[in-house]
C-alpha atoms as a PDB file:
ATOM      1  CA  UNK A   1    -166.237  40.474  -1.118  1.00  0.00           C
ATOM      2  CA  UNK A   2    -163.877  42.372   0.497  1.00  0.00           C
ATOM      3  CA  UNK A   3    -160.206  44.178  -0.873  1.00  0.00           C
ATOM      4  CA  UNK A   4    -158.258  41.919   0.566  1.00  0.00           C
ATOM      5  CA  UNK A   5    -160.682  38.481  -0.488  1.00  0.00           C
ATOM      6  CA  UNK A   6    -159.768  39.359  -4.109  1.00  0.00           C
ATOM      7  CA  UNK A   7    -156.259  40.457  -3.535  1.00  0.00           C
ATOM      8  CA  UNK A   8    -156.112  37.050  -2.676  1.00  0.00           C
ATOM      9  CA  UNK A   9    -157.732  35.957  -5.778  1.00  0.00           C
ATOM     10  CA  UNK A  10    -156.138  38.213  -7.761  1.00  0.00           C
ATOM     11  CA  UNK A  11    -152.644  36.756  -6.775  1.00  0.00           C
ATOM     12  CA  UNK A  12    -153.693  32.697  -6.782  1.00  0.00           C
ATOM     13  CA  UNK A  13    -154.991  33.545 -10.617  1.00  0.00           C
ATOM     14  CA  UNK A  14    -151.386  35.075 -11.524  1.00  0.00           C
ATOM     15  CA  UNK A  15    -149.426  32.332 -10.244  1.00  0.00           C
ATOM     16  CA  UNK A  16    -151.476  30.015 -12.065  1.00  0.00           C
ATOM     17  CA  UNK A  17    -151.715  31.984 -14.953  1.00  0.00           C
ATOM     18  CA  UNK A  18    -147.837  31.800 -14.590  1.00  0.00           C
ATOM     19  CA  UNK A  19    -147.085  28.217 -13.796  1.00  0.00           C
ATOM     20  CA  UNK A  20    -149.666  27.745 -16.769  1.00  0.00           C
ATOM     21  CA  UNK A  21    -147.638  29.765 -19.163  1.00  0.00           C
ATOM     22  CA  UNK A  22    -143.850  28.167 -18.087  1.00  0.00           C
ATOM     23  CA  UNK A  23    -145.314  24.718 -18.506  1.00  0.00           C
ATOM     24  CA  UNK A  24    -145.945  25.846 -22.094  1.00  0.00           C
ATOM     25  CA  UNK A  25    -142.785  27.844 -22.763  1.00  0.00           C
ATOM     26  CA  UNK A  26    -141.011  23.995 -21.191  1.00  0.00           C
ATOM     27  CA  UNK A  27    -142.921  21.716 -23.683  1.00  0.00           C
ATOM     28  CA  UNK A  28    -141.936  24.447 -26.630  1.00  0.00           C
ATOM     29  CA  UNK A  29    -138.298  23.655 -25.999  1.00  0.00           C
ATOM     30  CA  UNK A  30    -138.186  20.270 -26.619  1.00  0.00           C
ATOM     31  CA  UNK A  31    -137.453  18.744 -30.011  1.00  0.00           C
ATOM     32  CA  UNK A  32    -140.823  17.295 -29.656  1.00  0.00           C
ATOM     33  CA  UNK A  33    -144.360  17.530 -27.894  1.00  0.00           C
ATOM     34  CA  UNK A  34    -148.238  16.843 -28.133  1.00  0.00           C
ATOM     35  CA  UNK A  35    -149.426  19.847 -29.990  1.00  0.00           C
ATOM     36  CA  UNK A  36    -153.045  18.812 -27.915  1.00  0.00           C
ATOM     37  CA  UNK A  37    -151.529  18.966 -24.364  1.00  0.00           C
ATOM     38  CA  UNK A  38    -150.671  22.308 -25.534  1.00  0.00           C
ATOM     39  CA  UNK A  39    -153.966  23.609 -27.237  1.00  0.00           C
ATOM     40  CA  UNK A  40    -155.512  22.296 -23.836  1.00  0.00           C
ATOM     41  CA  UNK A  41    -152.353  24.477 -21.796  1.00  0.00           C
ATOM     42  CA  UNK A  42    -153.430  27.674 -24.015  1.00  0.00           C
ATOM     43  CA  UNK A  43    -156.987  27.130 -23.058  1.00  0.00           C
ATOM     44  CA  UNK A  44    -156.615  26.994 -19.636  1.00  0.00           C
ATOM     45  CA  UNK A  45    -154.320  29.891 -19.808  1.00  0.00           C
ATOM     46  CA  UNK A  46    -156.686  32.145 -21.422  1.00  0.00           C
ATOM     47  CA  UNK A  47    -159.726  30.992 -19.398  1.00  0.00           C
ATOM     48  CA  UNK A  48    -157.340  32.199 -16.004  1.00  0.00           C
ATOM     49  CA  UNK A  49    -156.646  35.600 -17.695  1.00  0.00           C
ATOM     50  CA  UNK A  50    -160.530  35.702 -18.008  1.00  0.00           C
ATOM     51  CA  UNK A  51    -160.938  34.970 -14.565  1.00  0.00           C
ATOM     52  CA  UNK A  52    -157.921  37.415 -13.779  1.00  0.00           C
ATOM     53  CA  UNK A  53    -159.778  40.329 -15.565  1.00  0.00           C
ATOM     54  CA  UNK A  54    -163.246  39.559 -13.503  1.00  0.00           C
ATOM     55  CA  UNK A  55    -161.665  39.987 -10.426  1.00  0.00           C
ATOM     56  CA  UNK A  56    -159.713  42.728 -11.560  1.00  0.00           C
ATOM     57  CA  UNK A  57    -162.677  44.540 -12.644  1.00  0.00           C
ATOM     58  CA  UNK A  58    -164.404  43.563  -9.319  1.00  0.00           C
ATOM     59  CA  UNK A  59    -160.995  45.070  -7.380  1.00  0.00           C
ATOM     60  CA  UNK A  60    -161.557  48.373  -9.102  1.00  0.00           C
ATOM     61  CA  UNK A  61    -165.170  48.417  -9.018  1.00  0.00           C
ATOM     62  CA  UNK A  62    -165.026  48.226  -5.057  1.00  0.00           C
ATOM     63  CA  UNK A  63    -162.380  50.631  -4.632  1.00  0.00           C
ATOM     64  CA  UNK A  64    -164.445  53.545  -6.705  1.00  0.00           C
ATOM     65  CA  UNK A  65    -167.212  52.470  -4.193  1.00  0.00           C
ATOM     66  CA  UNK A  66    -165.182  53.158  -1.621  1.00  0.00           C
ATOM     67  CA  UNK A  67    -163.774  56.465  -2.642  1.00  0.00           C
ATOM     68  CA  UNK A  68    -167.665  57.592  -3.987  1.00  0.00           C
ATOM     69  CA  UNK A  69    -168.350  56.730  -0.205  1.00  0.00           C
ATOM     70  CA  UNK A  70    -165.836  59.062   1.738  1.00  0.00           C
ATOM     71  CA  UNK A  71    -166.690  62.075  -0.943  1.00  0.00           C
END
């Protein structure tokens, strides 16, 4: 996987994470909301956060690998 592909995945996941966070916020601002729905969205948000961490790690490793190749 190359840097551009990793960056694309990071942007996509970050946009999804932000959308889920915004949806949670919108639901919680309502006078009455479904606790189960919010819990499901929070789980989805955590999964996205874990995926983001994975791709940040891949990017870090790739950047360090490339940097070491040029030393």
